[in-house]
Amino acid sequence: MNTSAIKLIVFIVATGFLTYVSRKSLRVVSSHGFYRFFAWESILALILVNISVWFYNPFSVQQIASWFILTSSLVVLGLGFQQFYSMGHPSDMRHDATLLSLEKTTTLVTSGIYHYIRHPLYASLLFLAWGAFVKDITWYSVCLAAAATISLVATAKNEECECIRYFGSAYEEYMTRTKMFIPYLF
């Protein structure tokens, strides 16, 4: 079996898993999970497109930059997830069928990494996409990285609407003093 066939099989299997995880939110276009699904798909495709050069010429400036961005992705993911889970107090008492159980936070987290950015978990996906993009810059990887970025911005915007509905003015005030993905910038 050639590598293209293997990549296609991996893409199909992973898409099946992502579809299952996103099944409830895919029915509701206004849910953040709807757009997150497309971000995940874009990132998956980007990784599979560039996997053949993942370790090619490991000490080139391009590869070092890529690994720096990918490592940043892991750091942001770790910090964001730890605080989100321990301080957000997820509970099934929050009734929103489109949310994953982990996302049903009942406490607004505003400390640690959340003091600087509102969406560290999406920021980690953004860094993952751009880290994978830098591995091999081609016209289709540009399109996939752009699709992932647009999908993640749409995901964050829709989640902010959900958070305003749940947390009210506290979340609106929180939005005025934080950035979406990158501290002090964006």
C-alpha atoms as a PDB file:
ATOM      1  CA  MET A   1       0.000   0.000   0.000  1.00  0.00           C
ATOM      2  CA  ASN A   2       1.458   3.396  -0.941  1.00  0.00           C
ATOM      3  CA  THR A   3       1.719   6.389   1.401  1.00  0.00           C
ATOM      4  CA  SER A   4      -1.114   8.275  -0.321  1.00  0.00           C
ATOM      5  CA  ALA A   5      -3.504   5.406   0.360  1.00  0.00           C
ATOM      6  CA  ILE A   6      -2.378   5.210   3.982  1.00  0.00           C
ATOM      7  CA  LYS A   7      -2.876   8.973   4.392  1.00  0.00           C
ATOM      8  CA  LEU A   8      -6.356   8.692   2.896  1.00  0.00           C
ATOM      9  CA  ILE A   9      -7.274   5.847   5.248  1.00  0.00           C
ATOM     10  CA  VAL A  10      -5.956   7.798   8.253  1.00  0.00           C
ATOM     11  CA  PHE A  11      -7.918  10.860   7.123  1.00  0.00           C
ATOM     12  CA  ILE A  12     -11.140   8.860   6.729  1.00  0.00           C
ATOM     13  CA  VAL A  13     -10.785   7.092  10.093  1.00  0.00           C
ATOM     14  CA  ALA A  14      -9.859  10.308  11.925  1.00  0.00           C
ATOM     15  CA  THR A  15     -12.724  12.153  10.226  1.00  0.00           C
ATOM     16  CA  GLY A  16     -15.094   9.433  11.447  1.00  0.00           C
ATOM     17  CA  PHE A  17     -13.840   9.948  14.994  1.00  0.00           C
ATOM     18  CA  LEU A  18     -14.058  13.753  14.761  1.00  0.00           C
ATOM     19  CA  THR A  19     -17.555  13.494  13.289  1.00  0.00           C
ATOM     20  CA  TYR A  20     -18.628  11.273  16.171  1.00  0.00           C
ATOM     21  CA  VAL A  21     -17.183  13.694  18.755  1.00  0.00           C
ATOM     22  CA  SER A  22     -18.831  16.651  16.973  1.00  0.00           C
ATOM     23  CA  ARG A  23     -22.128  14.941  16.113  1.00  0.00           C
ATOM     24  CA  LYS A  24     -24.342  17.150  18.301  1.00  0.00           C
ATOM     25  CA  SER A  25     -22.743  20.452  17.361  1.00  0.00           C
ATOM     26  CA  LEU A  26     -22.665  19.671  13.628  1.00  0.00           C
ATOM     27  CA  ARG A  27     -26.450  20.013  13.651  1.00  0.00           C
ATOM     28  CA  VAL A  28     -26.289  23.564  15.039  1.00  0.00           C
ATOM     29  CA  VAL A  29     -24.463  26.032  12.772  1.00  0.00           C
ATOM     30  CA  SER A  30     -24.371  28.670  15.524  1.00  0.00           C
ATOM     31  CA  SER A  31     -22.482  26.379  17.940  1.00  0.00           C
ATOM     32  CA  HIS A  32     -18.751  26.762  18.299  1.00  0.00           C
ATOM     33  CA  GLY A  33     -18.330  23.011  17.830  1.00  0.00           C
ATOM     34  CA  PHE A  34     -19.634  23.274  14.274  1.00  0.00           C
ATOM     35  CA  TYR A  35     -16.701  25.488  13.257  1.00  0.00           C
ATOM     36  CA  ARG A  36     -14.215  23.638  15.466  1.00  0.00           C
ATOM     37  CA  PHE A  37     -14.922  20.482  13.451  1.00  0.00           C
ATOM     38  CA  PHE A  38     -13.727  22.233  10.285  1.00  0.00           C
ATOM     39  CA  ALA A  39     -10.655  23.558  12.090  1.00  0.00           C
ATOM     40  CA  TRP A  40      -9.830  20.003  13.198  1.00  0.00           C
ATOM     41  CA  GLU A  41     -10.338  18.708   9.656  1.00  0.00           C
ATOM     42  CA  SER A  42      -8.101  21.411   8.172  1.00  0.00           C
ATOM     43  CA  ILE A  43      -5.361  20.707  10.712  1.00  0.00           C
ATOM     44  CA  LEU A  44      -5.631  16.955  10.155  1.00  0.00           C
ATOM     45  CA  ALA A  45      -5.321  17.440   6.392  1.00  0.00           C
ATOM     46  CA  LEU A  46      -2.407  19.841   6.864  1.00  0.00           C
ATOM     47  CA  ILE A  47      -0.520  17.381   9.043  1.00  0.00           C
ATOM     48  CA  LEU A  48      -1.129  14.531   6.606  1.00  0.00           C
ATOM     49  CA  VAL A  49      -0.095  16.650   3.613  1.00  0.00           C
ATOM     50  CA  ASN A  50       3.177  17.646   5.300  1.00  0.00           C
ATOM     51  CA  ILE A  51       3.952  14.475   7.263  1.00  0.00           C
ATOM     52  CA  SER A  52       6.477  13.282   4.682  1.00  0.00           C
ATOM     53  CA  VAL A  53       8.738  16.295   5.421  1.00  0.00           C
ATOM     54  CA  TRP A  54       8.071  16.391   9.159  1.00  0.00           C
ATOM     55  CA  PHE A  55      11.659  15.342  10.004  1.00  0.00           C
ATOM     56  CA  TYR A  56      13.339  16.353   6.750  1.00  0.00           C
ATOM     57  CA  ASN A  57      16.421  18.552   7.184  1.00  0.00           C
ATOM     58  CA  PRO A  58      15.841  18.894  10.948  1.00  0.00           C
ATOM     59  CA  PHE A  59      18.313  21.722  11.559  1.00  0.00           C
ATOM     60  CA  SER A  60      17.117  24.087   8.864  1.00  0.00           C
ATOM     61  CA  VAL A  61      15.700  27.441   9.945  1.00  0.00           C
ATOM     62  CA  GLN A  62      12.295  26.382   8.612  1.00  0.00           C
ATOM     63  CA  GLN A  63      12.229  23.180  10.667  1.00  0.00           C
ATOM     64  CA  ILE A  64      13.489  24.908  13.818  1.00  0.00           C
ATOM     65  CA  ALA A  65      10.777  27.562  13.437  1.00  0.00           C
ATOM     66  CA  SER A  66       8.194  24.832  12.923  1.00  0.00           C
ATOM     67  CA  TRP A  67       9.284  22.924  16.009  1.00  0.00           C
ATOM     68  CA  PHE A  68       9.252  26.126  18.070  1.00  0.00           C
ATOM     69  CA  ILE A  69       5.652  26.817  17.015  1.00  0.00           C
ATOM     70  CA  LEU A  70       4.641  23.189  17.617  1.00  0.00           C
ATOM     71  CA  THR A  71       6.261  23.190  21.062  1.00  0.00           C
ATOM     72  CA  SER A  72       4.456  26.447  21.865  1.00  0.00           C
ATOM     73  CA  SER A  73       1.251  24.678  20.897  1.00  0.00           C
ATOM     74  CA  LEU A  74       1.882  21.962  23.474  1.00  0.00           C
ATOM     75  CA  VAL A  75       2.789  24.441  26.214  1.00  0.00           C
ATOM     76  CA  VAL A  76      -0.341  26.532  25.610  1.00  0.00           C
ATOM     77  CA  LEU A  77      -2.479  23.374  25.445  1.00  0.00           C
ATOM     78  CA  GLY A  78      -1.076  22.078  28.740  1.00  0.00           C
ATOM     79  CA  LEU A  79      -1.523  25.368  30.592  1.00  0.00           C
ATOM     80  CA  GLY A  80      -4.977  25.997  29.153  1.00  0.00           C
ATOM     81  CA  PHE A  81      -6.333  22.508  29.702  1.00  0.00           C
ATOM     82  CA  GLN A  82      -5.066  22.231  33.263  1.00  0.00           C
ATOM     83  CA  GLN A  83      -6.684  25.499  34.312  1.00  0.00           C
ATOM     84  CA  PHE A  84      -9.833  24.986  32.281  1.00  0.00           C
ATOM     85  CA  TYR A  85     -10.490  21.607  33.831  1.00  0.00           C
ATOM     86  CA  SER A  86      -9.459  22.361  37.420  1.00  0.00           C
ATOM     87  CA  MET A  87     -10.925  25.863  37.746  1.00  0.00           C
ATOM     88  CA  GLY A  88     -13.840  25.819  35.274  1.00  0.00           C
ATOM     89  CA  HIS A  89     -15.783  23.221  37.265  1.00  0.00           C
ATOM     90  CA  PRO A  90     -17.426  21.379  34.350  1.00  0.00           C
ATOM     91  CA  SER A  91     -20.876  20.131  35.298  1.00  0.00           C
ATOM     92  CA  ASP A  92     -23.795  18.491  33.552  1.00  0.00           C
ATOM     93  CA  MET A  93     -25.941  21.060  35.340  1.00  0.00           C
ATOM     94  CA  ARG A  94     -25.055  23.380  32.457  1.00  0.00           C
ATOM     95  CA  HIS A  95     -27.641  22.448  29.845  1.00  0.00           C
ATOM     96  CA  ASP A  96     -26.342  22.875  26.323  1.00  0.00           C
ATOM     97  CA  ALA A  97     -26.586  19.785  24.157  1.00  0.00           C
ATOM     98  CA  THR A  98     -23.922  21.027  21.717  1.00  0.00           C
ATOM     99  CA  LEU A  99     -21.201  21.219  24.382  1.00  0.00           C
ATOM    100  CA  LEU A 100     -18.902  18.318  25.168  1.00  0.00           C
ATOM    101  CA  SER A 101     -19.083  17.390  28.864  1.00  0.00           C
ATOM    102  CA  LEU A 102     -15.628  18.910  29.458  1.00  0.00           C
ATOM    103  CA  GLU A 103     -16.849  22.229  28.003  1.00  0.00           C
ATOM    104  CA  LYS A 104     -19.771  22.615  30.398  1.00  0.00           C
ATOM    105  CA  THR A 105     -17.890  24.928  32.719  1.00  0.00           C
ATOM    106  CA  THR A 106     -19.816  26.665  35.444  1.00  0.00           C
ATOM    107  CA  THR A 107     -17.074  29.037  36.602  1.00  0.00           C
ATOM    108  CA  LEU A 108     -15.458  31.690  34.423  1.00  0.00           C
ATOM    109  CA  VAL A 109     -11.698  31.072  34.417  1.00  0.00           C
ATOM    110  CA  THR A 110      -9.742  34.344  34.235  1.00  0.00           C
ATOM    111  CA  SER A 111      -6.417  33.571  35.905  1.00  0.00           C
ATOM    112  CA  GLY A 112      -3.181  32.031  34.700  1.00  0.00           C
ATOM    113  CA  ILE A 113      -2.995  31.842  30.920  1.00  0.00           C
ATOM    114  CA  TYR A 114      -6.663  32.904  30.789  1.00  0.00           C
ATOM    115  CA  HIS A 115      -5.571  36.235  32.255  1.00  0.00           C
ATOM    116  CA  TYR A 116      -3.912  36.969  28.902  1.00  0.00           C
ATOM    117  CA  ILE A 117      -5.963  35.083  26.312  1.00  0.00           C
ATOM    118  CA  ARG A 118      -9.562  33.894  26.235  1.00  0.00           C
ATOM    119  CA  HIS A 119      -9.013  30.786  24.125  1.00  0.00           C
ATOM    120  CA  PRO A 120      -5.749  28.989  24.916  1.00  0.00           C
ATOM    121  CA  LEU A 121      -7.061  25.645  23.679  1.00  0.00           C
ATOM    122  CA  TYR A 122      -7.923  27.156  20.303  1.00  0.00           C
ATOM    123  CA  ALA A 123      -4.645  29.075  20.343  1.00  0.00           C
ATOM    124  CA  SER A 124      -2.867  25.730  20.707  1.00  0.00           C
ATOM    125  CA  LEU A 125      -4.739  24.460  17.638  1.00  0.00           C
ATOM    126  CA  LEU A 126      -3.814  27.634  15.771  1.00  0.00           C
ATOM    127  CA  PHE A 127      -0.144  27.107  16.642  1.00  0.00           C
ATOM    128  CA  LEU A 128      -0.435  23.443  15.653  1.00  0.00           C
ATOM    129  CA  ALA A 129      -1.814  24.451  12.254  1.00  0.00           C
ATOM    130  CA  TRP A 130       0.865  27.046  11.611  1.00  0.00           C
ATOM    131  CA  GLY A 131       3.632  24.809  12.940  1.00  0.00           C
ATOM    132  CA  ALA A 132       2.528  22.071  10.536  1.00  0.00           C
ATOM    133  CA  PHE A 133       2.223  24.662   7.750  1.00  0.00           C
ATOM    134  CA  VAL A 134       5.817  25.852   8.195  1.00  0.00           C
ATOM    135  CA  LYS A 135       7.044  22.267   7.673  1.00  0.00           C
ATOM    136  CA  ASP A 136       6.404  22.593   3.927  1.00  0.00           C
ATOM    137  CA  ILE A 137       5.010  25.816   2.523  1.00  0.00           C
ATOM    138  CA  THR A 138       2.962  25.076  -0.580  1.00  0.00           C
ATOM    139  CA  TRP A 139      -0.185  26.562  -2.097  1.00  0.00           C
ATOM    140  CA  TYR A 140      -2.373  23.812  -0.625  1.00  0.00           C
ATOM    141  CA  SER A 141      -0.784  24.100   2.817  1.00  0.00           C
ATOM    142  CA  VAL A 142      -1.440  27.864   2.668  1.00  0.00           C
ATOM    143  CA  CYS A 143      -5.098  27.112   1.896  1.00  0.00           C
ATOM    144  CA  LEU A 144      -5.366  24.570   4.723  1.00  0.00           C
ATOM    145  CA  ALA A 145      -3.647  26.848   7.267  1.00  0.00           C
ATOM    146  CA  ALA A 146      -5.935  29.716   6.224  1.00  0.00           C
ATOM    147  CA  ALA A 147      -9.000  27.458   6.494  1.00  0.00           C
ATOM    148  CA  ALA A 148      -7.910  26.334   9.967  1.00  0.00           C
ATOM    149  CA  THR A 149      -7.334  29.938  11.055  1.00  0.00           C
ATOM    150  CA  ILE A 150     -10.693  31.154   9.728  1.00  0.00           C
ATOM    151  CA  SER A 151     -12.445  28.174  11.338  1.00  0.00           C
ATOM    152  CA  LEU A 152     -10.744  28.799  14.686  1.00  0.00           C
ATOM    153  CA  VAL A 153     -11.677  32.481  14.662  1.00  0.00           C
ATOM    154  CA  ALA A 154     -15.290  31.500  13.869  1.00  0.00           C
ATOM    155  CA  THR A 155     -15.124  28.879  16.639  1.00  0.00           C
ATOM    156  CA  ALA A 156     -13.911  31.431  19.174  1.00  0.00           C
ATOM    157  CA  LYS A 157     -16.453  34.069  18.108  1.00  0.00           C
ATOM    158  CA  ASN A 158     -19.336  31.598  18.423  1.00  0.00           C
ATOM    159  CA  GLU A 159     -18.062  30.344  21.769  1.00  0.00           C
ATOM    160  CA  GLU A 160     -17.881  33.928  23.002  1.00  0.00           C
ATOM    161  CA  CYS A 161     -21.575  34.342  22.154  1.00  0.00           C
ATOM    162  CA  GLU A 162     -22.296  31.166  24.137  1.00  0.00           C
ATOM    163  CA  CYS A 163     -20.222  32.428  27.075  1.00  0.00           C
ATOM    164  CA  ILE A 164     -21.977  35.804  27.070  1.00  0.00           C
ATOM    165  CA  ARG A 165     -25.324  33.980  27.227  1.00  0.00           C
ATOM    166  CA  TYR A 166     -24.131  31.863  30.164  1.00  0.00           C
ATOM    167  CA  PHE A 167     -21.802  34.191  32.120  1.00  0.00           C
ATOM    168  CA  GLY A 168     -23.377  37.507  31.075  1.00  0.00           C
ATOM    169  CA  SER A 169     -21.659  40.825  31.672  1.00  0.00           C
ATOM    170  CA  ALA A 170     -18.765  39.148  33.527  1.00  0.00           C
ATOM    171  CA  TYR A 171     -17.680  37.574  30.251  1.00  0.00           C
ATOM    172  CA  GLU A 172     -18.180  40.800  28.308  1.00  0.00           C
ATOM    173  CA  GLU A 173     -15.931  42.606  30.794  1.00  0.00           C
ATOM    174  CA  TYR A 174     -13.394  39.772  30.556  1.00  0.00           C
ATOM    175  CA  MET A 175     -13.336  40.210  26.764  1.00  0.00           C
ATOM    176  CA  THR A 176     -12.372  43.876  27.120  1.00  0.00           C
ATOM    177  CA  ARG A 177      -9.161  43.070  28.982  1.00  0.00           C
ATOM    178  CA  THR A 178      -7.936  39.981  27.136  1.00  0.00           C
ATOM    179  CA  LYS A 179      -6.960  38.990  23.618  1.00  0.00           C
ATOM    180  CA  MET A 180      -8.403  36.054  21.729  1.00  0.00           C
ATOM    181  CA  PHE A 181      -5.327  33.912  20.942  1.00  0.00           C
ATOM    182  CA  ILE A 182      -2.012  35.752  21.370  1.00  0.00           C
ATOM    183  CA  PRO A 183      -1.311  37.919  24.455  1.00  0.00           C
ATOM    184  CA  TYR A 184      -1.258  41.657  23.724  1.00  0.00           C
ATOM    185  CA  LEU A 185      -1.667  41.074  19.957  1.00  0.00           C
ATOM    186  CA  PHE A 186      -4.668  39.085  18.784  1.00  0.00           C
END
